[in-house]
Amino acid sequence: MKKVISALTRHCDEAFLRASHEFQEIITARDKGSMTAEYVIVLVAATGFAGILLLVLKSDAIKNILSEMVKNALQAG
């Protein structure tokens, strides 16, 4: 009887470890997908920010301000 109980216990332990491992793989796979989605969101936001920054820096007012800052810095040195 002890052998049967020992075998059943060992079988249950192995089944639990397999199920735990499979559950961990499912969670990890789900997290990988969410990380990819987060990277896409960050890249889209960064690209949008870069586009807005480019538009601002190309404007005449900003060009004039930057030119004046450079001239002042060169004259002070």
PDB file of N, CA and C in Angstrom:
ATOM      1  N   MET A   1       0.809  -1.190   0.000  1.00  0.00           N
ATOM      2  CA  MET A   1       0.000   0.000   0.000  1.00  0.00           C
ATOM      3  C   MET A   1       0.859   1.265   0.000  1.00  0.00           C
ATOM      4  N   LYS A   2       1.980   1.214   0.751  1.00  0.00           N
ATOM      5  CA  LYS A   2       2.851   2.366   0.786  1.00  0.00           C
ATOM      6  C   LYS A   2       3.434   2.660  -0.590  1.00  0.00           C
ATOM      7  N   LYS A   3       3.706   1.598  -1.366  1.00  0.00           N
ATOM      8  CA  LYS A   3       4.251   1.787  -2.711  1.00  0.00           C
ATOM      9  C   LYS A   3       3.237   2.480  -3.609  1.00  0.00           C
ATOM     10  N   VAL A   4       1.980   2.134  -3.466  1.00  0.00           N
ATOM     11  CA  VAL A   4       0.923   2.743  -4.280  1.00  0.00           C
ATOM     12  C   VAL A   4       0.776   4.216  -3.922  1.00  0.00           C
ATOM     13  N   ILE A   5       0.761   4.508  -2.630  1.00  0.00           N
ATOM     14  CA  ILE A   5       0.639   5.900  -2.193  1.00  0.00           C
ATOM     15  C   ILE A   5       1.854   6.706  -2.649  1.00  0.00           C
ATOM     16  N   SER A   6       3.029   6.113  -2.534  1.00  0.00           N
ATOM     17  CA  SER A   6       4.258   6.786  -2.965  1.00  0.00           C
ATOM     18  C   SER A   6       4.233   7.056  -4.468  1.00  0.00           C
ATOM     19  N   ALA A   7       3.778   6.074  -5.239  1.00  0.00           N
ATOM     20  CA  ALA A   7       3.700   6.242  -6.697  1.00  0.00           C
ATOM     21  C   ALA A   7       2.681   7.313  -7.061  1.00  0.00           C
ATOM     22  N   LEU A   8       1.528   7.310  -6.391  1.00  0.00           N
ATOM     23  CA  LEU A   8       0.507   8.333  -6.655  1.00  0.00           C
ATOM     24  C   LEU A   8       1.013   9.730  -6.282  1.00  0.00           C
ATOM     25  N   THR A   9       1.703   9.822  -5.159  1.00  0.00           N
ATOM     26  CA  THR A   9       2.252  11.112  -4.734  1.00  0.00           C
ATOM     27  C   THR A   9       3.270  11.616  -5.742  1.00  0.00           C
ATOM     28  N   ARG A  10       4.146  10.739  -6.181  1.00  0.00           N
ATOM     29  CA  ARG A  10       5.159  11.112  -7.169  1.00  0.00           C
ATOM     30  C   ARG A  10       4.491  11.539  -8.479  1.00  0.00           C
ATOM     31  N   HIS A  11       3.469  10.781  -8.889  1.00  0.00           N
ATOM     32  CA  HIS A  11       2.744  11.118 -10.119  1.00  0.00           C
ATOM     33  C   HIS A  11       2.062  12.476  -9.991  1.00  0.00           C
ATOM     34  N   CYS A  12       1.438  12.758  -8.844  1.00  0.00           N
ATOM     35  CA  CYS A  12       0.775  14.053  -8.633  1.00  0.00           C
ATOM     36  C   CYS A  12       1.797  15.190  -8.625  1.00  0.00           C
ATOM     37  N   ASP A  13       2.946  14.948  -7.985  1.00  0.00           N
ATOM     38  CA  ASP A  13       3.990  15.978  -7.962  1.00  0.00           C
ATOM     39  C   ASP A  13       4.486  16.294  -9.373  1.00  0.00           C
ATOM     40  N   GLU A  14       4.702  15.249 -10.164  1.00  0.00           N
ATOM     41  CA  GLU A  14       5.166  15.457 -11.543  1.00  0.00           C
ATOM     42  C   GLU A  14       4.110  16.192 -12.367  1.00  0.00           C
ATOM     43  N   ALA A  15       2.850  15.837 -12.195  1.00  0.00           N
ATOM     44  CA  ALA A  15       1.778  16.498 -12.929  1.00  0.00           C
ATOM     45  C   ALA A  15       1.672  17.964 -12.515  1.00  0.00           C
ATOM     46  N   PHE A  16       1.822  18.216 -11.216  1.00  0.00           N
ATOM     47  CA  PHE A  16       1.781  19.594 -10.741  1.00  0.00           C
ATOM     48  C   PHE A  16       2.940  20.405 -11.329  1.00  0.00           C
ATOM     49  N   LEU A  17       4.132  19.834 -11.368  1.00  0.00           N
ATOM     50  CA  LEU A  17       5.278  20.545 -11.927  1.00  0.00           C
ATOM     51  C   LEU A  17       5.093  20.821 -13.415  1.00  0.00           C
ATOM     52  N   ARG A  18       4.554  19.847 -14.145  1.00  0.00           N
ATOM     53  CA  ARG A  18       4.291  20.066 -15.580  1.00  0.00           C
ATOM     54  C   ARG A  18       3.268  21.174 -15.778  1.00  0.00           C
ATOM     55  N   ALA A  19       2.187  21.133 -15.005  1.00  0.00           N
ATOM     56  CA  ALA A  19       1.143  22.156 -15.129  1.00  0.00           C
ATOM     57  C   ALA A  19       1.690  23.527 -14.751  1.00  0.00           C
ATOM     58  N   SER A  20       2.502  23.574 -13.719  1.00  0.00           N
ATOM     59  CA  SER A  20       3.100  24.835 -13.293  1.00  0.00           C
ATOM     60  C   SER A  20       4.020  25.393 -14.381  1.00  0.00           C
ATOM     61  N   HIS A  21       4.798  24.516 -14.985  1.00  0.00           N
ATOM     62  CA  HIS A  21       5.698  24.932 -16.065  1.00  0.00           C
ATOM     63  C   HIS A  21       4.911  25.438 -17.271  1.00  0.00           C
ATOM     64  N   GLU A  22       3.855  24.740 -17.648  1.00  0.00           N
ATOM     65  CA  GLU A  22       3.026  25.170 -18.780  1.00  0.00           C
ATOM     66  C   GLU A  22       2.339  26.498 -18.481  1.00  0.00           C
ATOM     67  N   PHE A  23       1.867  26.671 -17.259  1.00  0.00           N
ATOM     68  CA  PHE A  23       1.241  27.929 -16.873  1.00  0.00           C
ATOM     69  C   PHE A  23       2.242  29.078 -16.970  1.00  0.00           C
ATOM     70  N   GLN A  24       3.467  28.830 -16.513  1.00  0.00           N
ATOM     71  CA  GLN A  24       4.510  29.850 -16.586  1.00  0.00           C
ATOM     72  C   GLN A  24       4.809  30.222 -18.035  1.00  0.00           C
ATOM     73  N   GLU A  25       4.830  29.243 -18.923  1.00  0.00           N
ATOM     74  CA  GLU A  25       5.069  29.518 -20.347  1.00  0.00           C
ATOM     75  C   GLU A  25       3.937  30.361 -20.937  1.00  0.00           C
ATOM     76  N   ILE A  26       2.714  30.084 -20.547  1.00  0.00           N
ATOM     77  CA  ILE A  26       1.578  30.863 -21.048  1.00  0.00           C
ATOM     78  C   ILE A  26       1.679  32.308 -20.573  1.00  0.00           C
ATOM     79  N   ILE A  27       1.989  32.496 -19.306  1.00  0.00           N
ATOM     80  CA  ILE A  27       2.122  33.853 -18.755  1.00  0.00           C
ATOM     81  C   ILE A  27       3.265  34.586 -19.446  1.00  0.00           C
ATOM     82  N   THR A  28       4.390  33.920 -19.640  1.00  0.00           N
ATOM     83  CA  THR A  28       5.549  34.542 -20.284  1.00  0.00           C
ATOM     84  C   THR A  28       5.218  34.924 -21.721  1.00  0.00           C
ATOM     85  N   ALA A  29       4.539  34.057 -22.443  1.00  0.00           N
ATOM     86  CA  ALA A  29       4.178  34.357 -23.830  1.00  0.00           C
ATOM     87  C   ALA A  29       3.231  35.547 -23.888  1.00  0.00           C
ATOM     88  N   ARG A  30       2.296  35.623 -22.962  1.00  0.00           N
ATOM     89  CA  ARG A  30       1.364  36.753 -22.936  1.00  0.00           C
ATOM     90  C   ARG A  30       2.115  38.051 -22.644  1.00  0.00           C
ATOM     91  N   ASP A  31       3.071  37.997 -21.718  1.00  0.00           N
ATOM     92  CA  ASP A  31       3.851  39.185 -21.378  1.00  0.00           C
ATOM     93  C   ASP A  31       4.703  39.640 -22.554  1.00  0.00           C
ATOM     94  N   LYS A  32       5.236  38.707 -23.324  1.00  0.00           N
ATOM     95  CA  LYS A  32       6.038  39.086 -24.485  1.00  0.00           C
ATOM     96  C   LYS A  32       5.195  39.864 -25.480  1.00  0.00           C
ATOM     97  N   GLY A  33       3.958  39.463 -25.674  1.00  0.00           N
ATOM     98  CA  GLY A  33       3.074  40.181 -26.580  1.00  0.00           C
ATOM     99  C   GLY A  33       2.753  41.574 -26.075  1.00  0.00           C
ATOM    100  N   SER A  34       2.551  41.716 -24.774  1.00  0.00           N
ATOM    101  CA  SER A  34       2.244  43.041 -24.231  1.00  0.00           C
ATOM    102  C   SER A  34       3.461  43.938 -24.298  1.00  0.00           C
ATOM    103  N   MET A  35       4.659  43.374 -24.118  1.00  0.00           N
ATOM    104  CA  MET A  35       5.858  44.198 -24.238  1.00  0.00           C
ATOM    105  C   MET A  35       6.025  44.688 -25.664  1.00  0.00           C
ATOM    106  N   THR A  36       5.718  43.849 -26.634  1.00  0.00           N
ATOM    107  CA  THR A  36       5.815  44.256 -28.034  1.00  0.00           C
ATOM    108  C   THR A  36       4.832  45.392 -28.313  1.00  0.00           C
ATOM    109  N   ALA A  37       3.627  45.284 -27.806  1.00  0.00           N
ATOM    110  CA  ALA A  37       2.635  46.342 -27.996  1.00  0.00           C
ATOM    111  C   ALA A  37       3.099  47.636 -27.336  1.00  0.00           C
ATOM    112  N   GLU A  38       3.709  47.532 -26.170  1.00  0.00           N
ATOM    113  CA  GLU A  38       4.216  48.725 -25.498  1.00  0.00           C
ATOM    114  C   GLU A  38       5.325  49.381 -26.316  1.00  0.00           C
ATOM    115  N   TYR A  39       6.210  48.575 -26.896  1.00  0.00           N
ATOM    116  CA  TYR A  39       7.273  49.132 -27.735  1.00  0.00           C
ATOM    117  C   TYR A  39       6.693  49.856 -28.941  1.00  0.00           C
ATOM    118  N   VAL A  40       5.666  49.289 -29.542  1.00  0.00           N
ATOM    119  CA  VAL A  40       5.033  49.926 -30.700  1.00  0.00           C
ATOM    120  C   VAL A  40       4.433  51.270 -30.298  1.00  0.00           C
ATOM    121  N   ILE A  41       3.760  51.315 -29.166  1.00  0.00           N
ATOM    122  CA  ILE A  41       3.160  52.561 -28.701  1.00  0.00           C
ATOM    123  C   ILE A  41       4.238  53.613 -28.447  1.00  0.00           C
ATOM    124  N   VAL A  42       5.328  53.212 -27.816  1.00  0.00           N
ATOM    125  CA  VAL A  42       6.419  54.147 -27.543  1.00  0.00           C
ATOM    126  C   VAL A  42       7.040  54.643 -28.849  1.00  0.00           C
ATOM    127  N   LEU A  43       7.232  53.743 -29.807  1.00  0.00           N
ATOM    128  CA  LEU A  43       7.819  54.163 -31.086  1.00  0.00           C
ATOM    129  C   LEU A  43       6.910  55.124 -31.845  1.00  0.00           C
ATOM    130  N   VAL A  44       5.620  54.870 -31.825  1.00  0.00           N
ATOM    131  CA  VAL A  44       4.679  55.777 -32.502  1.00  0.00           C
ATOM    132  C   VAL A  44       4.687  57.140 -31.814  1.00  0.00           C
ATOM    133  N   ALA A  45       4.689  57.141 -30.493  1.00  0.00           N
ATOM    134  CA  ALA A  45       4.717  58.414 -29.760  1.00  0.00           C
ATOM    135  C   ALA A  45       6.011  59.172 -30.030  1.00  0.00           C
ATOM    136  N   ALA A  46       7.137  58.472 -30.039  1.00  0.00           N
ATOM    137  CA  ALA A  46       8.429  59.121 -30.291  1.00  0.00           C
ATOM    138  C   ALA A  46       8.494  59.669 -31.712  1.00  0.00           C
ATOM    139  N   THR A  47       7.949  58.939 -32.660  1.00  0.00           N
ATOM    140  CA  THR A  47       7.935  59.411 -34.044  1.00  0.00           C
ATOM    141  C   THR A  47       7.061  60.656 -34.176  1.00  0.00           C
ATOM    142  N   GLY A  48       5.915  60.651 -33.529  1.00  0.00           N
ATOM    143  CA  GLY A  48       5.043  61.833 -33.546  1.00  0.00           C
ATOM    144  C   GLY A  48       5.722  63.028 -32.908  1.00  0.00           C
ATOM    145  N   PHE A  49       6.388  62.806 -31.782  1.00  0.00           N
ATOM    146  CA  PHE A  49       7.103  63.888 -31.110  1.00  0.00           C
ATOM    147  C   PHE A  49       8.228  64.421 -32.003  1.00  0.00           C
ATOM    148  N   ALA A  50       8.954  63.533 -32.667  1.00  0.00           N
ATOM    149  CA  ALA A  50      10.034  63.955 -33.565  1.00  0.00           C
ATOM    150  C   ALA A  50       9.478  64.777 -34.728  1.00  0.00           C
ATOM    151  N   GLY A  51       8.332  64.384 -35.258  1.00  0.00           N
ATOM    152  CA  GLY A  51       7.712  65.140 -36.349  1.00  0.00           C
ATOM    153  C   GLY A  51       7.310  66.534 -35.921  1.00  0.00           C
ATOM    154  N   ILE A  52       6.717  66.637 -34.732  1.00  0.00           N
ATOM    155  CA  ILE A  52       6.320  67.951 -34.208  1.00  0.00           C
ATOM    156  C   ILE A  52       7.559  68.805 -33.948  1.00  0.00           C
ATOM    157  N   LEU A  53       8.588  68.206 -33.371  1.00  0.00           N
ATOM    158  CA  LEU A  53       9.830  68.932 -33.109  1.00  0.00           C
ATOM    159  C   LEU A  53      10.458  69.430 -34.402  1.00  0.00           C
ATOM    160  N   LEU A  54      10.428  68.607 -35.435  1.00  0.00           N
ATOM    161  CA  LEU A  54      10.964  69.006 -36.733  1.00  0.00           C
ATOM    162  C   LEU A  54      10.193  70.185 -37.310  1.00  0.00           C
ATOM    163  N   LEU A  55       8.875  70.147 -37.204  1.00  0.00           N
ATOM    164  CA  LEU A  55       8.067  71.277 -37.687  1.00  0.00           C
ATOM    165  C   LEU A  55       8.378  72.561 -36.926  1.00  0.00           C
ATOM    166  N   VAL A  56       8.530  72.432 -35.615  1.00  0.00           N
ATOM    167  CA  VAL A  56       8.823  73.608 -34.804  1.00  0.00           C
ATOM    168  C   VAL A  56      10.197  74.167 -35.160  1.00  0.00           C
ATOM    169  N   LEU A  57      11.181  73.296 -35.281  1.00  0.00           N
ATOM    170  CA  LEU A  57      12.540  73.763 -35.567  1.00  0.00           C
ATOM    171  C   LEU A  57      12.683  74.339 -36.972  1.00  0.00           C
ATOM    172  N   LYS A  58      11.821  73.939 -37.884  1.00  0.00           N
ATOM    173  CA  LYS A  58      11.875  74.475 -39.247  1.00  0.00           C
ATOM    174  C   LYS A  58      11.175  75.823 -39.370  1.00  0.00           C
ATOM    175  N   SER A  59      10.416  76.223 -38.360  1.00  0.00           N
ATOM    176  CA  SER A  59       9.686  77.488 -38.453  1.00  0.00           C
ATOM    177  C   SER A  59      10.665  78.660 -38.419  1.00  0.00           C
ATOM    178  N   ASP A  60      10.297  79.738 -39.089  1.00  0.00           N
ATOM    179  CA  ASP A  60      11.164  80.909 -39.196  1.00  0.00           C
ATOM    180  C   ASP A  60      11.432  81.546 -37.835  1.00  0.00           C
ATOM    181  N   ALA A  61      10.436  81.580 -36.994  1.00  0.00           N
ATOM    182  CA  ALA A  61      10.613  82.198 -35.676  1.00  0.00           C
ATOM    183  C   ALA A  61      11.675  81.458 -34.869  1.00  0.00           C
ATOM    184  N   ILE A  62      11.622  80.153 -34.866  1.00  0.00           N
ATOM    185  CA  ILE A  62      12.597  79.360 -34.114  1.00  0.00           C
ATOM    186  C   ILE A  62      13.979  79.485 -34.738  1.00  0.00           C
ATOM    187  N   LYS A  63      14.050  79.507 -36.074  1.00  0.00           N
ATOM    188  CA  LYS A  63      15.347  79.685 -36.742  1.00  0.00           C
ATOM    189  C   LYS A  63      15.982  81.004 -36.326  1.00  0.00           C
ATOM    190  N   ASN A  64      15.170  82.056 -36.273  1.00  0.00           N
ATOM    191  CA  ASN A  64      15.687  83.366 -35.873  1.00  0.00           C
ATOM    192  C   ASN A  64      16.180  83.354 -34.418  1.00  0.00           C
ATOM    193  N   ILE A  65      15.395  82.756 -33.542  1.00  0.00           N
ATOM    194  CA  ILE A  65      15.785  82.676 -32.131  1.00  0.00           C
ATOM    195  C   ILE A  65      17.091  81.914 -31.973  1.00  0.00           C
ATOM    196  N   LEU A  66      17.198  80.752 -32.637  1.00  0.00           N
ATOM    197  CA  LEU A  66      18.422  79.951 -32.535  1.00  0.00           C
ATOM    198  C   LEU A  66      19.619  80.686 -33.128  1.00  0.00           C
ATOM    199  N   SER A  67      19.406  81.381 -34.257  1.00  0.00           N
ATOM    200  CA  SER A  67      20.496  82.142 -34.884  1.00  0.00           C
ATOM    201  C   SER A  67      20.990  83.236 -33.949  1.00  0.00           C
ATOM    202  N   GLU A  68      20.067  83.939 -33.312  1.00  0.00           N
ATOM    203  CA  GLU A  68      20.444  84.996 -32.363  1.00  0.00           C
ATOM    204  C   GLU A  68      21.199  84.414 -31.167  1.00  0.00           C
ATOM    205  N   MET A  69      20.775  83.256 -30.678  1.00  0.00           N
ATOM    206  CA  MET A  69      21.453  82.628 -29.544  1.00  0.00           C
ATOM    207  C   MET A  69      22.882  82.249 -29.921  1.00  0.00           C
ATOM    208  N   VAL A  70      23.070  81.713 -31.112  1.00  0.00           N
ATOM    209  CA  VAL A  70      24.408  81.326 -31.566  1.00  0.00           C
ATOM    210  C   VAL A  70      25.280  82.569 -31.736  1.00  0.00           C
ATOM    211  N   LYS A  71      24.731  83.621 -32.364  1.00  0.00           N
ATOM    212  CA  LYS A  71      25.494  84.859 -32.555  1.00  0.00           C
ATOM    213  C   LYS A  71      25.910  85.438 -31.209  1.00  0.00           C
ATOM    214  N   ASN A  72      24.996  85.491 -30.265  1.00  0.00           N
ATOM    215  CA  ASN A  72      25.309  86.026 -28.948  1.00  0.00           C
ATOM    216  C   ASN A  72      26.371  85.194 -28.240  1.00  0.00           C
ATOM    217  N   ALA A  73      26.274  83.891 -28.375  1.00  0.00           N
ATOM    218  CA  ALA A  73      27.248  83.013 -27.739  1.00  0.00           C
ATOM    219  C   ALA A  73      28.641  83.196 -28.352  1.00  0.00           C
ATOM    220  N   LEU A  74      28.699  83.372 -29.679  1.00  0.00           N
ATOM    221  CA  LEU A  74      29.990  83.558 -30.340  1.00  0.00           C
ATOM    222  C   LEU A  74      30.592  84.924 -30.019  1.00  0.00           C
ATOM    223  N   GLN A  75      29.760  85.921 -29.888  1.00  0.00           N
ATOM    224  CA  GLN A  75      30.253  87.272 -29.567  1.00  0.00           C
ATOM    225  C   GLN A  75      30.739  87.344 -28.123  1.00  0.00           C
ATOM    226  N   ALA A  76      30.107  86.600 -27.240  1.00  0.00           N
ATOM    227  CA  ALA A  76      30.498  86.623 -25.823  1.00  0.00           C
ATOM    228  C   ALA A  76      31.831  85.909 -25.607  1.00  0.00           C
ATOM    229  N   GLY A  77      32.122  84.941 -26.460  1.00  0.00           N
ATOM    230  CA  GLY A  77      33.346  84.138 -26.289  1.00  0.00           C
ATOM    231  C   GLY A  77      34.490  84.823 -26.880  1.00  0.00           C
TER     232      GLY A  77
END
